[in-house]
């Protein structure tokens, strides 16, 4: 990946406006969309368009 592309990308915490894009990305990856909480997601934008997302969750220790 070129540095030029990386410099154009922006990492940010997802907002409620992003939920449908996140849902589409999750479904496209054949992942479970049933417990999507937008506050657990971060997105990568390129030229104002969300191109990737990641979920960060905290799990209780068993």
C-alpha atoms as a PDB file:
ATOM      1  CA  UNK A   1       0.000   0.000   0.000  1.00  0.00           C
ATOM      2  CA  UNK A   2       1.472   3.317  -0.977  1.00  0.00           C
ATOM      3  CA  UNK A   3       2.063   6.128   1.491  1.00  0.00           C
ATOM      4  CA  UNK A   4      -0.026   8.348  -0.787  1.00  0.00           C
ATOM      5  CA  UNK A   5      -3.096   6.154  -0.257  1.00  0.00           C
ATOM      6  CA  UNK A   6      -2.481   5.977   3.495  1.00  0.00           C
ATOM      7  CA  UNK A   7      -2.234   9.753   3.735  1.00  0.00           C
ATOM      8  CA  UNK A   8      -5.682  10.055   2.149  1.00  0.00           C
ATOM      9  CA  UNK A   9      -7.330   7.671   4.635  1.00  0.00           C
ATOM     10  CA  UNK A  10      -8.863   8.787   7.895  1.00  0.00           C
ATOM     11  CA  UNK A  11      -9.457   6.539  10.922  1.00  0.00           C
ATOM     12  CA  UNK A  12     -12.286   7.674  13.173  1.00  0.00           C
ATOM     13  CA  UNK A  13     -14.812   6.346  15.630  1.00  0.00           C
ATOM     14  CA  UNK A  14     -18.089   5.434  13.972  1.00  0.00           C
ATOM     15  CA  UNK A  15     -21.194   7.544  14.461  1.00  0.00           C
ATOM     16  CA  UNK A  16     -24.872   6.698  14.148  1.00  0.00           C
ATOM     17  CA  UNK A  17     -24.726   7.865  10.510  1.00  0.00           C
ATOM     18  CA  UNK A  18     -22.384   4.946   9.758  1.00  0.00           C
ATOM     19  CA  UNK A  19     -24.570   2.070  10.978  1.00  0.00           C
ATOM     20  CA  UNK A  20     -25.998   1.102   7.561  1.00  0.00           C
ATOM     21  CA  UNK A  21     -22.568   1.143   5.941  1.00  0.00           C
ATOM     22  CA  UNK A  22     -21.190  -0.959   8.794  1.00  0.00           C
ATOM     23  CA  UNK A  23     -24.117  -3.367   8.460  1.00  0.00           C
ATOM     24  CA  UNK A  24     -23.452  -3.699   4.707  1.00  0.00           C
ATOM     25  CA  UNK A  25     -19.743  -4.368   5.273  1.00  0.00           C
ATOM     26  CA  UNK A  26     -20.473  -6.941   7.995  1.00  0.00           C
ATOM     27  CA  UNK A  27     -23.052  -8.758   5.868  1.00  0.00           C
ATOM     28  CA  UNK A  28     -20.694  -8.678   2.872  1.00  0.00           C
ATOM     29  CA  UNK A  29     -18.091 -10.489   4.963  1.00  0.00           C
ATOM     30  CA  UNK A  30     -20.670 -13.122   6.011  1.00  0.00           C
ATOM     31  CA  UNK A  31     -20.368 -12.101   9.683  1.00  0.00           C
ATOM     32  CA  UNK A  32     -23.105 -12.008  12.310  1.00  0.00           C
ATOM     33  CA  UNK A  33     -24.904  -8.634  12.146  1.00  0.00           C
ATOM     34  CA  UNK A  34     -27.153  -9.208  15.170  1.00  0.00           C
ATOM     35  CA  UNK A  35     -25.126  -7.413  17.845  1.00  0.00           C
ATOM     36  CA  UNK A  36     -23.850  -4.328  16.052  1.00  0.00           C
ATOM     37  CA  UNK A  37     -23.350  -1.428  18.442  1.00  0.00           C
ATOM     38  CA  UNK A  38     -22.066   1.603  16.599  1.00  0.00           C
ATOM     39  CA  UNK A  39     -20.121   2.823  19.642  1.00  0.00           C
ATOM     40  CA  UNK A  40     -17.901  -0.296  19.371  1.00  0.00           C
ATOM     41  CA  UNK A  41     -16.840   0.455  15.790  1.00  0.00           C
ATOM     42  CA  UNK A  42     -14.088   2.413  14.114  1.00  0.00           C
ATOM     43  CA  UNK A  43     -14.155   3.177  10.410  1.00  0.00           C
ATOM     44  CA  UNK A  44     -11.638   4.086   7.731  1.00  0.00           C
ATOM     45  CA  UNK A  45     -12.705   6.741   5.244  1.00  0.00           C
ATOM     46  CA  UNK A  46     -11.183   7.422   1.862  1.00  0.00           C
ATOM     47  CA  UNK A  47     -12.287  10.605   0.137  1.00  0.00           C
ATOM     48  CA  UNK A  48     -15.348  10.857   2.406  1.00  0.00           C
ATOM     49  CA  UNK A  49     -16.496   7.255   1.864  1.00  0.00           C
ATOM     50  CA  UNK A  50     -16.285   4.521   4.517  1.00  0.00           C
ATOM     51  CA  UNK A  51     -14.214   1.703   3.022  1.00  0.00           C
ATOM     52  CA  UNK A  52     -13.557  -0.473   6.087  1.00  0.00           C
ATOM     53  CA  UNK A  53     -14.642  -0.963   9.672  1.00  0.00           C
ATOM     54  CA  UNK A  54     -13.503  -2.785  12.771  1.00  0.00           C
ATOM     55  CA  UNK A  55     -15.234  -3.621  16.011  1.00  0.00           C
ATOM     56  CA  UNK A  56     -13.517  -3.348  19.392  1.00  0.00           C
ATOM     57  CA  UNK A  57     -15.298  -5.119  22.215  1.00  0.00           C
ATOM     58  CA  UNK A  58     -14.516  -5.837  25.843  1.00  0.00           C
ATOM     59  CA  UNK A  59     -15.207  -9.378  27.046  1.00  0.00           C
ATOM     60  CA  UNK A  60     -15.538 -10.444  30.647  1.00  0.00           C
ATOM     61  CA  UNK A  61     -13.010 -13.023  31.783  1.00  0.00           C
ATOM     62  CA  UNK A  62     -14.492 -16.446  32.461  1.00  0.00           C
END
